[in-house]
Amino acid sequence: MHGNAWASLLKHIPAEMHDQMMLITVGGTEISLSTVLRIDHEFVAFKGRLSGTQDQGRLFFLPFQNIDYLGFQREIRDEKYQEVFGNLVVPPPLPSAQLALAAEGPALPLPAPQGAAPAQPQPPEPEPVPEPEPVPVLPSASVLQRTPLPIKSAVLERFRSRSNQGTAIRPNGEG
């Protein structure tokens, strides 16, 4: 998802729902949000805590490109979903040139030189149709698969068998 889409989504979520959200980064770090402070065109600033810790109120600045996904920690009923997200409109991605201009702000017209005839209004130029961005090539599924972790019972059995090696059971009375 591009930065405009993340910004639109985050601006659309009511402030009273921020503390119910979690954010997962591309690196796999889970962050529990408490308050979204600023939504910029490149990043979001928010307070929260790393999941699994009790360090409340940490300040995070996270670029949109580092967000893997957002989610809610509590159940959201269908009625609430329709109420909050039913009218969400995600903007199309901007080409990089338009993105740079959008970051600078709107262009102001230059004042006409003194003594010159007033300029005739020009018809607005048609907006160029944005070209679709190239789709990145992702690694194959076999590269993305992780090796499965051993089952807990198998690990315990290996541990027990190692601890029993080298210790002979002695019958009572022998020493």
N, C-alpha and C. Protein backbone atom coordinates (compact mmCIF):
# COMPACT_ATOMS: atom_id res chain seq x y z
N MET A 1 0.85 -1.17 0.00
CA MET A 1 0.00 0.00 0.00
C MET A 1 0.90 1.23 0.00
N HIS A 2 0.53 2.24 -0.74
CA HIS A 2 1.33 3.45 -0.82
C HIS A 2 0.99 4.42 0.32
N GLY A 3 1.84 5.43 0.50
CA GLY A 3 1.71 6.37 1.62
C GLY A 3 0.38 7.09 1.65
N ASN A 4 -0.17 7.47 0.48
CA ASN A 4 -1.46 8.16 0.45
C ASN A 4 -2.56 7.29 1.02
N ALA A 5 -2.53 6.02 0.71
CA ALA A 5 -3.56 5.10 1.19
C ALA A 5 -3.47 4.92 2.70
N TRP A 6 -2.23 4.74 3.23
CA TRP A 6 -2.07 4.62 4.69
C TRP A 6 -2.55 5.89 5.37
N ALA A 7 -2.18 7.06 4.84
CA ALA A 7 -2.57 8.33 5.45
C ALA A 7 -4.09 8.46 5.46
N SER A 8 -4.75 8.15 4.34
CA SER A 8 -6.21 8.24 4.28
C SER A 8 -6.87 7.29 5.28
N LEU A 9 -6.34 6.08 5.36
CA LEU A 9 -6.91 5.10 6.29
C LEU A 9 -6.76 5.58 7.74
N LEU A 10 -5.56 6.02 8.10
CA LEU A 10 -5.33 6.45 9.48
C LEU A 10 -6.15 7.69 9.84
N LYS A 11 -6.31 8.62 8.90
CA LYS A 11 -7.12 9.82 9.16
C LYS A 11 -8.60 9.46 9.31
N HIS A 12 -9.00 8.38 8.71
CA HIS A 12 -10.40 7.97 8.72
C HIS A 12 -10.81 7.29 10.04
N ILE A 13 -9.84 6.74 10.76
CA ILE A 13 -10.14 6.01 11.99
C ILE A 13 -10.34 7.00 13.12
N PRO A 14 -11.47 6.95 13.84
CA PRO A 14 -11.72 7.89 14.92
C PRO A 14 -10.70 7.76 16.05
N ALA A 15 -10.39 8.87 16.72
CA ALA A 15 -9.37 8.91 17.77
C ALA A 15 -9.70 7.95 18.91
N GLU A 16 -10.98 7.75 19.20
CA GLU A 16 -11.34 6.85 20.31
C GLU A 16 -11.06 5.38 20.00
N MET A 17 -10.76 5.07 18.74
CA MET A 17 -10.43 3.69 18.37
C MET A 17 -8.93 3.45 18.27
N HIS A 18 -8.10 4.49 18.40
CA HIS A 18 -6.65 4.34 18.24
C HIS A 18 -6.06 3.37 19.25
N ASP A 19 -6.54 3.40 20.49
CA ASP A 19 -5.96 2.54 21.52
C ASP A 19 -6.35 1.07 21.36
N GLN A 20 -7.18 0.76 20.39
CA GLN A 20 -7.57 -0.62 20.11
C GLN A 20 -6.75 -1.22 18.97
N MET A 21 -5.83 -0.43 18.42
CA MET A 21 -5.13 -0.86 17.21
C MET A 21 -3.74 -1.38 17.51
N MET A 22 -3.28 -2.24 16.63
CA MET A 22 -1.90 -2.72 16.65
C MET A 22 -1.34 -2.53 15.24
N LEU A 23 -0.05 -2.34 15.19
CA LEU A 23 0.63 -2.11 13.93
C LEU A 23 1.78 -3.09 13.83
N ILE A 24 1.93 -3.74 12.71
CA ILE A 24 3.03 -4.68 12.49
C ILE A 24 3.94 -4.08 11.42
N THR A 25 5.23 -3.99 11.74
CA THR A 25 6.19 -3.45 10.78
C THR A 25 6.63 -4.53 9.81
N VAL A 26 7.28 -4.13 8.75
CA VAL A 26 7.79 -5.07 7.76
C VAL A 26 8.78 -6.03 8.42
N GLY A 27 9.51 -5.55 9.44
CA GLY A 27 10.46 -6.39 10.15
C GLY A 27 9.82 -7.34 11.15
N GLY A 28 8.49 -7.27 11.33
CA GLY A 28 7.79 -8.18 12.22
C GLY A 28 7.59 -7.66 13.63
N THR A 29 7.92 -6.41 13.91
CA THR A 29 7.73 -5.83 15.23
C THR A 29 6.27 -5.43 15.40
N GLU A 30 5.65 -5.87 16.50
CA GLU A 30 4.27 -5.53 16.77
C GLU A 30 4.24 -4.38 17.77
N ILE A 31 3.50 -3.33 17.45
CA ILE A 31 3.39 -2.16 18.30
C ILE A 31 1.92 -1.91 18.60
N SER A 32 1.58 -1.76 19.88
CA SER A 32 0.23 -1.41 20.29
C SER A 32 0.12 0.10 20.34
N LEU A 33 -0.82 0.65 19.59
CA LEU A 33 -0.99 2.10 19.52
C LEU A 33 -1.80 2.60 20.70
N SER A 34 -1.52 3.82 21.14
CA SER A 34 -2.39 4.46 22.10
C SER A 34 -2.96 5.74 21.52
N THR A 35 -2.15 6.54 20.82
CA THR A 35 -2.62 7.79 20.23
C THR A 35 -1.83 8.09 18.96
N VAL A 36 -2.54 8.42 17.88
CA VAL A 36 -1.88 8.89 16.67
C VAL A 36 -1.72 10.39 16.80
N LEU A 37 -0.48 10.89 16.71
CA LEU A 37 -0.19 12.30 16.91
C LEU A 37 -0.14 13.08 15.60
N ARG A 38 0.46 12.51 14.57
CA ARG A 38 0.63 13.23 13.31
C ARG A 38 0.64 12.24 12.16
N ILE A 39 -0.06 12.62 11.10
CA ILE A 39 -0.07 11.82 9.88
C ILE A 39 0.47 12.70 8.77
N ASP A 40 1.64 12.38 8.28
CA ASP A 40 2.32 13.16 7.26
C ASP A 40 2.22 12.39 5.94
N HIS A 41 2.77 12.93 4.86
CA HIS A 41 2.74 12.21 3.59
C HIS A 41 3.79 11.10 3.52
N GLU A 42 4.78 11.11 4.40
CA GLU A 42 5.84 10.10 4.41
C GLU A 42 5.81 9.18 5.63
N PHE A 43 5.29 9.66 6.75
CA PHE A 43 5.37 8.91 8.00
C PHE A 43 4.17 9.19 8.89
N VAL A 44 4.05 8.39 9.93
CA VAL A 44 3.06 8.61 10.98
C VAL A 44 3.81 8.69 12.31
N ALA A 45 3.40 9.63 13.16
CA ALA A 45 3.97 9.76 14.50
C ALA A 45 2.87 9.36 15.48
N PHE A 46 3.22 8.48 16.42
CA PHE A 46 2.21 8.00 17.36
C PHE A 46 2.87 7.60 18.67
N LYS A 47 2.04 7.51 19.70
CA LYS A 47 2.49 6.98 20.99
C LYS A 47 1.95 5.58 21.12
N GLY A 48 2.75 4.74 21.78
CA GLY A 48 2.34 3.36 21.95
C GLY A 48 3.38 2.60 22.73
N ARG A 49 3.34 1.28 22.61
CA ARG A 49 4.31 0.43 23.29
C ARG A 49 4.57 -0.78 22.42
N LEU A 50 5.78 -1.32 22.56
CA LEU A 50 6.07 -2.57 21.88
C LEU A 50 5.22 -3.65 22.53
N SER A 51 4.58 -4.48 21.75
CA SER A 51 3.74 -5.53 22.31
C SER A 51 4.60 -6.47 23.14
N GLY A 52 4.05 -6.89 24.26
CA GLY A 52 4.78 -7.77 25.16
C GLY A 52 5.55 -7.01 26.22
N THR A 53 5.50 -5.67 26.17
CA THR A 53 6.16 -4.85 27.19
C THR A 53 5.11 -4.00 27.89
N GLN A 54 5.52 -3.36 28.96
CA GLN A 54 4.62 -2.46 29.68
C GLN A 54 5.11 -1.02 29.61
N ASP A 55 6.01 -0.73 28.69
CA ASP A 55 6.57 0.61 28.53
C ASP A 55 5.59 1.50 27.78
N GLN A 56 4.65 2.11 28.48
CA GLN A 56 3.62 2.95 27.89
C GLN A 56 4.21 4.28 27.42
N GLY A 57 3.56 4.91 26.46
CA GLY A 57 3.86 6.27 26.07
C GLY A 57 5.11 6.46 25.23
N ARG A 58 5.66 5.41 24.66
CA ARG A 58 6.83 5.57 23.80
C ARG A 58 6.40 6.31 22.53
N LEU A 59 7.27 7.18 22.03
CA LEU A 59 6.98 7.94 20.81
C LEU A 59 7.64 7.25 19.63
N PHE A 60 6.86 7.01 18.57
CA PHE A 60 7.35 6.33 17.38
C PHE A 60 7.12 7.22 16.16
N PHE A 61 8.10 7.26 15.26
CA PHE A 61 7.97 7.86 13.94
C PHE A 61 8.20 6.72 12.96
N LEU A 62 7.18 6.34 12.23
CA LEU A 62 7.28 5.18 11.36
C LEU A 62 6.95 5.57 9.92
N PRO A 63 7.90 5.37 8.99
CA PRO A 63 7.60 5.64 7.58
C PRO A 63 6.53 4.66 7.09
N PHE A 64 5.64 5.14 6.25
CA PHE A 64 4.56 4.30 5.74
C PHE A 64 5.11 3.06 5.03
N GLN A 65 6.25 3.18 4.37
CA GLN A 65 6.80 2.03 3.65
C GLN A 65 7.23 0.91 4.58
N ASN A 66 7.35 1.19 5.88
CA ASN A 66 7.75 0.15 6.84
C ASN A 66 6.55 -0.50 7.53
N ILE A 67 5.34 -0.11 7.18
CA ILE A 67 4.15 -0.72 7.78
C ILE A 67 3.76 -1.92 6.95
N ASP A 68 3.65 -3.08 7.62
CA ASP A 68 3.18 -4.28 6.94
C ASP A 68 1.65 -4.31 7.00
N TYR A 69 1.09 -4.18 8.20
CA TYR A 69 -0.37 -4.10 8.30
C TYR A 69 -0.79 -3.51 9.64
N LEU A 70 -2.03 -3.05 9.67
CA LEU A 70 -2.68 -2.54 10.88
C LEU A 70 -3.81 -3.49 11.22
N GLY A 71 -4.12 -3.58 12.49
CA GLY A 71 -5.23 -4.42 12.90
C GLY A 71 -5.81 -3.94 14.22
N PHE A 72 -6.92 -4.51 14.60
CA PHE A 72 -7.55 -4.18 15.86
C PHE A 72 -7.37 -5.34 16.83
N GLN A 73 -7.10 -5.01 18.08
CA GLN A 73 -6.86 -6.03 19.10
C GLN A 73 -8.17 -6.57 19.66
N ARG A 74 -9.25 -5.87 19.40
CA ARG A 74 -10.56 -6.30 19.90
C ARG A 74 -11.47 -6.55 18.71
N GLU A 75 -12.55 -7.26 18.98
CA GLU A 75 -13.50 -7.57 17.93
C GLU A 75 -14.19 -6.29 17.46
N ILE A 76 -14.34 -6.16 16.15
CA ILE A 76 -15.09 -5.06 15.55
C ILE A 76 -16.31 -5.68 14.89
N ARG A 77 -17.46 -5.33 15.37
CA ARG A 77 -18.71 -5.88 14.82
C ARG A 77 -18.97 -5.31 13.43
N ASP A 78 -19.76 -6.02 12.64
CA ASP A 78 -20.05 -5.61 11.27
C ASP A 78 -20.69 -4.22 11.22
N GLU A 79 -21.59 -3.92 12.16
CA GLU A 79 -22.25 -2.62 12.18
C GLU A 79 -21.23 -1.50 12.40
N LYS A 80 -20.29 -1.72 13.32
CA LYS A 80 -19.26 -0.72 13.62
C LYS A 80 -18.33 -0.56 12.41
N TYR A 81 -17.99 -1.68 11.76
CA TYR A 81 -17.16 -1.60 10.56
C TYR A 81 -17.84 -0.74 9.49
N GLN A 82 -19.12 -0.99 9.23
CA GLN A 82 -19.84 -0.20 8.22
C GLN A 82 -19.92 1.27 8.62
N GLU A 83 -20.12 1.53 9.91
CA GLU A 83 -20.20 2.90 10.40
C GLU A 83 -18.89 3.65 10.19
N VAL A 84 -17.76 3.00 10.49
CA VAL A 84 -16.46 3.66 10.42
C VAL A 84 -15.86 3.61 9.02
N PHE A 85 -15.89 2.45 8.38
CA PHE A 85 -15.16 2.27 7.13
C PHE A 85 -16.05 2.19 5.89
N GLY A 86 -17.36 2.28 6.05
CA GLY A 86 -18.27 2.15 4.92
C GLY A 86 -18.07 3.20 3.85
N ASN A 87 -17.65 4.40 4.22
CA ASN A 87 -17.48 5.48 3.25
C ASN A 87 -16.01 5.82 3.00
N LEU A 88 -15.09 4.93 3.34
CA LEU A 88 -13.66 5.15 3.12
C LEU A 88 -13.34 5.12 1.63
N VAL A 89 -12.65 6.15 1.16
CA VAL A 89 -12.21 6.22 -0.22
C VAL A 89 -10.69 6.30 -0.19
N VAL A 90 -10.05 5.33 -0.83
CA VAL A 90 -8.59 5.30 -0.87
C VAL A 90 -8.14 5.98 -2.16
N PRO A 91 -7.26 6.99 -2.07
CA PRO A 91 -6.83 7.68 -3.28
C PRO A 91 -5.89 6.81 -4.11
N PRO A 92 -5.87 7.05 -5.44
CA PRO A 92 -4.94 6.30 -6.27
C PRO A 92 -3.51 6.76 -5.98
N PRO A 93 -2.54 5.91 -6.27
CA PRO A 93 -1.15 6.31 -6.01
C PRO A 93 -0.74 7.46 -6.93
N LEU A 94 0.07 8.34 -6.38
CA LEU A 94 0.59 9.46 -7.17
C LEU A 94 1.90 9.05 -7.83
N PRO A 95 2.12 9.49 -9.07
CA PRO A 95 3.45 9.28 -9.65
C PRO A 95 4.47 10.06 -8.84
N SER A 96 5.70 9.65 -8.87
CA SER A 96 6.72 10.26 -8.03
C SER A 96 6.88 11.75 -8.29
N ALA A 97 6.70 12.23 -9.50
CA ALA A 97 6.83 13.66 -9.79
C ALA A 97 5.70 14.44 -9.13
N GLN A 98 4.47 13.93 -9.21
CA GLN A 98 3.35 14.61 -8.58
C GLN A 98 3.49 14.55 -7.07
N LEU A 99 4.05 13.47 -6.55
CA LEU A 99 4.25 13.34 -5.11
C LEU A 99 5.21 14.42 -4.61
N ALA A 100 6.26 14.70 -5.37
CA ALA A 100 7.21 15.74 -4.96
C ALA A 100 6.55 17.11 -4.98
N LEU A 101 5.72 17.38 -5.99
CA LEU A 101 5.02 18.66 -6.03
C LEU A 101 3.99 18.77 -4.92
N ALA A 102 3.32 17.69 -4.62
CA ALA A 102 2.32 17.70 -3.55
C ALA A 102 2.97 17.97 -2.21
N ALA A 103 4.19 17.50 -2.03
CA ALA A 103 4.90 17.72 -0.78
C ALA A 103 5.27 19.18 -0.61
N GLU A 104 5.54 19.88 -1.72
CA GLU A 104 5.91 21.29 -1.65
C GLU A 104 4.71 22.18 -1.41
N GLY A 105 3.53 21.72 -1.70
CA GLY A 105 2.33 22.54 -1.51
C GLY A 105 1.86 23.06 -2.85
N PRO A 106 0.70 23.77 -2.84
CA PRO A 106 0.16 24.26 -4.11
C PRO A 106 1.02 25.40 -4.66
N ALA A 107 1.14 25.45 -5.97
CA ALA A 107 1.90 26.52 -6.62
C ALA A 107 1.05 27.77 -6.69
N LEU A 108 1.64 28.92 -6.38
CA LEU A 108 0.93 30.19 -6.44
C LEU A 108 1.25 30.86 -7.76
N PRO A 109 0.24 31.53 -8.39
CA PRO A 109 0.52 32.21 -9.65
C PRO A 109 1.41 33.42 -9.42
N LEU A 110 2.27 33.70 -10.39
CA LEU A 110 3.14 34.86 -10.30
C LEU A 110 2.34 36.12 -10.57
N PRO A 111 2.65 37.24 -9.89
CA PRO A 111 1.91 38.47 -10.16
C PRO A 111 2.27 39.00 -11.55
N ALA A 112 1.30 39.66 -12.20
CA ALA A 112 1.53 40.22 -13.53
C ALA A 112 2.44 41.44 -13.39
N PRO A 113 3.36 41.65 -14.35
CA PRO A 113 4.21 42.84 -14.29
C PRO A 113 3.36 44.10 -14.42
N GLN A 114 3.80 45.18 -13.77
CA GLN A 114 3.04 46.44 -13.79
C GLN A 114 3.07 47.04 -15.18
N GLY A 115 1.95 47.60 -15.58
CA GLY A 115 1.86 48.23 -16.88
C GLY A 115 1.56 47.25 -17.99
N ALA A 116 1.50 45.99 -17.73
CA ALA A 116 1.22 45.01 -18.76
C ALA A 116 -0.27 44.80 -18.87
N ALA A 117 -0.70 44.39 -20.03
CA ALA A 117 -2.11 44.11 -20.23
C ALA A 117 -2.49 42.89 -19.42
N PRO A 118 -3.72 42.88 -18.91
CA PRO A 118 -4.12 41.70 -18.13
C PRO A 118 -4.10 40.45 -19.00
N ALA A 119 -3.62 39.42 -18.41
CA ALA A 119 -3.51 38.15 -19.14
C ALA A 119 -4.87 37.53 -19.33
N GLN A 120 -5.05 36.94 -20.51
CA GLN A 120 -6.29 36.24 -20.79
C GLN A 120 -6.28 34.91 -20.06
N PRO A 121 -7.40 34.56 -19.44
CA PRO A 121 -7.41 33.28 -18.73
C PRO A 121 -7.23 32.12 -19.71
N GLN A 122 -6.36 31.23 -19.35
CA GLN A 122 -6.08 30.05 -20.15
C GLN A 122 -7.00 28.92 -19.70
N PRO A 123 -7.49 28.15 -20.63
CA PRO A 123 -8.29 26.99 -20.20
C PRO A 123 -7.36 26.02 -19.45
N PRO A 124 -7.91 25.36 -18.43
CA PRO A 124 -7.05 24.45 -17.67
C PRO A 124 -6.60 23.28 -18.53
N GLU A 125 -5.36 22.89 -18.32
CA GLU A 125 -4.83 21.75 -19.05
C GLU A 125 -5.44 20.47 -18.49
N PRO A 126 -5.72 19.52 -19.37
CA PRO A 126 -6.26 18.25 -18.84
C PRO A 126 -5.21 17.57 -17.96
N GLU A 127 -5.69 16.99 -16.89
CA GLU A 127 -4.78 16.30 -15.98
C GLU A 127 -4.26 15.03 -16.65
N PRO A 128 -2.95 14.81 -16.54
CA PRO A 128 -2.42 13.58 -17.16
C PRO A 128 -2.92 12.35 -16.40
N VAL A 129 -3.15 11.32 -17.15
CA VAL A 129 -3.58 10.06 -16.54
C VAL A 129 -2.34 9.39 -15.95
N PRO A 130 -2.37 9.11 -14.63
CA PRO A 130 -1.18 8.51 -14.03
C PRO A 130 -0.93 7.11 -14.59
N GLU A 131 0.35 6.86 -14.88
CA GLU A 131 0.72 5.54 -15.36
C GLU A 131 0.77 4.57 -14.19
N PRO A 132 0.33 3.35 -14.38
CA PRO A 132 0.41 2.40 -13.27
C PRO A 132 1.86 2.13 -12.90
N GLU A 133 2.09 2.03 -11.58
CA GLU A 133 3.45 1.76 -11.12
C GLU A 133 3.79 0.30 -11.42
N PRO A 134 5.07 0.03 -11.74
CA PRO A 134 5.44 -1.36 -12.02
C PRO A 134 5.27 -2.21 -10.77
N VAL A 135 4.82 -3.42 -10.99
CA VAL A 135 4.61 -4.35 -9.89
C VAL A 135 5.95 -4.97 -9.52
N PRO A 136 6.37 -4.87 -8.24
CA PRO A 136 7.66 -5.45 -7.88
C PRO A 136 7.61 -6.97 -7.96
N VAL A 137 8.73 -7.55 -8.35
CA VAL A 137 8.84 -9.00 -8.44
C VAL A 137 9.17 -9.53 -7.05
N LEU A 138 8.30 -10.39 -6.55
CA LEU A 138 8.50 -10.96 -5.22
C LEU A 138 9.22 -12.29 -5.33
N PRO A 139 9.99 -12.65 -4.31
CA PRO A 139 10.64 -13.96 -4.34
C PRO A 139 9.59 -15.07 -4.35
N SER A 140 9.97 -16.21 -4.85
CA SER A 140 9.03 -17.32 -4.92
C SER A 140 8.64 -17.77 -3.52
N ALA A 141 7.56 -18.50 -3.43
CA ALA A 141 7.04 -18.95 -2.14
C ALA A 141 8.04 -19.84 -1.41
N SER A 142 8.85 -20.60 -2.16
CA SER A 142 9.80 -21.50 -1.51
C SER A 142 10.88 -20.71 -0.77
N VAL A 143 11.21 -19.52 -1.25
CA VAL A 143 12.22 -18.69 -0.58
C VAL A 143 11.64 -18.11 0.71
N LEU A 144 10.34 -17.78 0.67
CA LEU A 144 9.71 -17.14 1.81
C LEU A 144 9.35 -18.11 2.93
N GLN A 145 9.34 -19.41 2.67
CA GLN A 145 8.95 -20.37 3.69
C GLN A 145 10.03 -20.50 4.74
N ARG A 146 9.61 -20.54 5.99
CA ARG A 146 10.54 -20.74 7.10
C ARG A 146 10.63 -22.23 7.41
N THR A 147 11.75 -22.59 8.00
CA THR A 147 11.84 -23.97 8.45
C THR A 147 10.95 -24.11 9.68
N PRO A 148 10.18 -25.18 9.74
CA PRO A 148 9.25 -25.32 10.87
C PRO A 148 10.02 -25.54 12.17
N LEU A 149 9.48 -24.99 13.23
CA LEU A 149 10.08 -25.18 14.56
C LEU A 149 9.73 -26.58 15.06
N PRO A 150 10.65 -27.21 15.79
CA PRO A 150 10.35 -28.54 16.31
C PRO A 150 9.22 -28.48 17.33
N ILE A 151 8.50 -29.57 17.44
CA ILE A 151 7.41 -29.67 18.40
C ILE A 151 8.00 -29.72 19.80
N LYS A 152 7.31 -29.10 20.74
CA LYS A 152 7.80 -28.99 22.12
C LYS A 152 8.09 -30.37 22.72
N SER A 153 7.20 -31.34 22.48
CA SER A 153 7.41 -32.67 23.05
C SER A 153 8.68 -33.31 22.49
N ALA A 154 8.97 -33.08 21.21
CA ALA A 154 10.19 -33.65 20.61
C ALA A 154 11.43 -33.01 21.22
N VAL A 155 11.38 -31.71 21.47
CA VAL A 155 12.52 -31.03 22.07
C VAL A 155 12.74 -31.54 23.50
N LEU A 156 11.66 -31.70 24.26
CA LEU A 156 11.78 -32.22 25.63
C LEU A 156 12.35 -33.63 25.64
N GLU A 157 11.93 -34.46 24.70
CA GLU A 157 12.42 -35.83 24.63
C GLU A 157 13.92 -35.85 24.33
N ARG A 158 14.38 -35.01 23.40
CA ARG A 158 15.81 -34.93 23.11
C ARG A 158 16.58 -34.46 24.33
N PHE A 159 16.06 -33.48 25.05
CA PHE A 159 16.71 -32.97 26.25
C PHE A 159 16.82 -34.06 27.32
N ARG A 160 15.73 -34.79 27.51
CA ARG A 160 15.74 -35.86 28.52
C ARG A 160 16.72 -36.97 28.13
N SER A 161 16.77 -37.31 26.85
CA SER A 161 17.68 -38.38 26.43
C SER A 161 19.13 -37.96 26.60
N ARG A 162 19.45 -36.68 26.38
CA ARG A 162 20.81 -36.20 26.59
C ARG A 162 21.19 -36.21 28.05
N SER A 163 20.27 -35.82 28.91
CA SER A 163 20.58 -35.75 30.35
C SER A 163 20.74 -37.15 30.94
N ASN A 164 20.13 -38.17 30.33
CA ASN A 164 20.27 -39.54 30.83
C ASN A 164 21.51 -40.23 30.31
N GLN A 165 22.14 -39.71 29.29
CA GLN A 165 23.35 -40.33 28.75
C GLN A 165 24.49 -40.12 29.74
N GLY A 166 25.25 -41.14 29.96
CA GLY A 166 26.41 -41.04 30.84
C GLY A 166 26.09 -41.26 32.30
N THR A 167 24.85 -41.35 32.66
CA THR A 167 24.50 -41.64 34.05
C THR A 167 23.87 -43.01 34.08
N ALA A 168 24.56 -43.91 34.64
CA ALA A 168 24.04 -45.28 34.75
C ALA A 168 23.18 -45.38 35.99
N ILE A 169 22.13 -46.13 35.85
CA ILE A 169 21.26 -46.36 37.03
C ILE A 169 21.90 -47.45 37.86
N ARG A 170 22.11 -47.14 39.10
CA ARG A 170 22.76 -48.11 40.00
C ARG A 170 21.71 -48.75 40.89
N PRO A 171 21.81 -50.04 41.05
CA PRO A 171 20.84 -50.69 41.96
C PRO A 171 21.12 -50.25 43.39
N ASN A 172 20.11 -50.31 44.21
CA ASN A 172 20.24 -49.93 45.61
C ASN A 172 21.28 -50.79 46.30
N GLY A 173 22.08 -50.19 47.17
CA GLY A 173 23.05 -50.92 47.94
C GLY A 173 24.42 -50.90 47.30
N GLU A 174 24.53 -50.59 46.03
CA GLU A 174 25.85 -50.52 45.41
C GLU A 174 26.30 -49.08 45.41
N GLY A 175 27.52 -48.87 45.60
CA GLY A 175 27.91 -47.49 45.70
C GLY A 175 29.19 -47.23 45.15
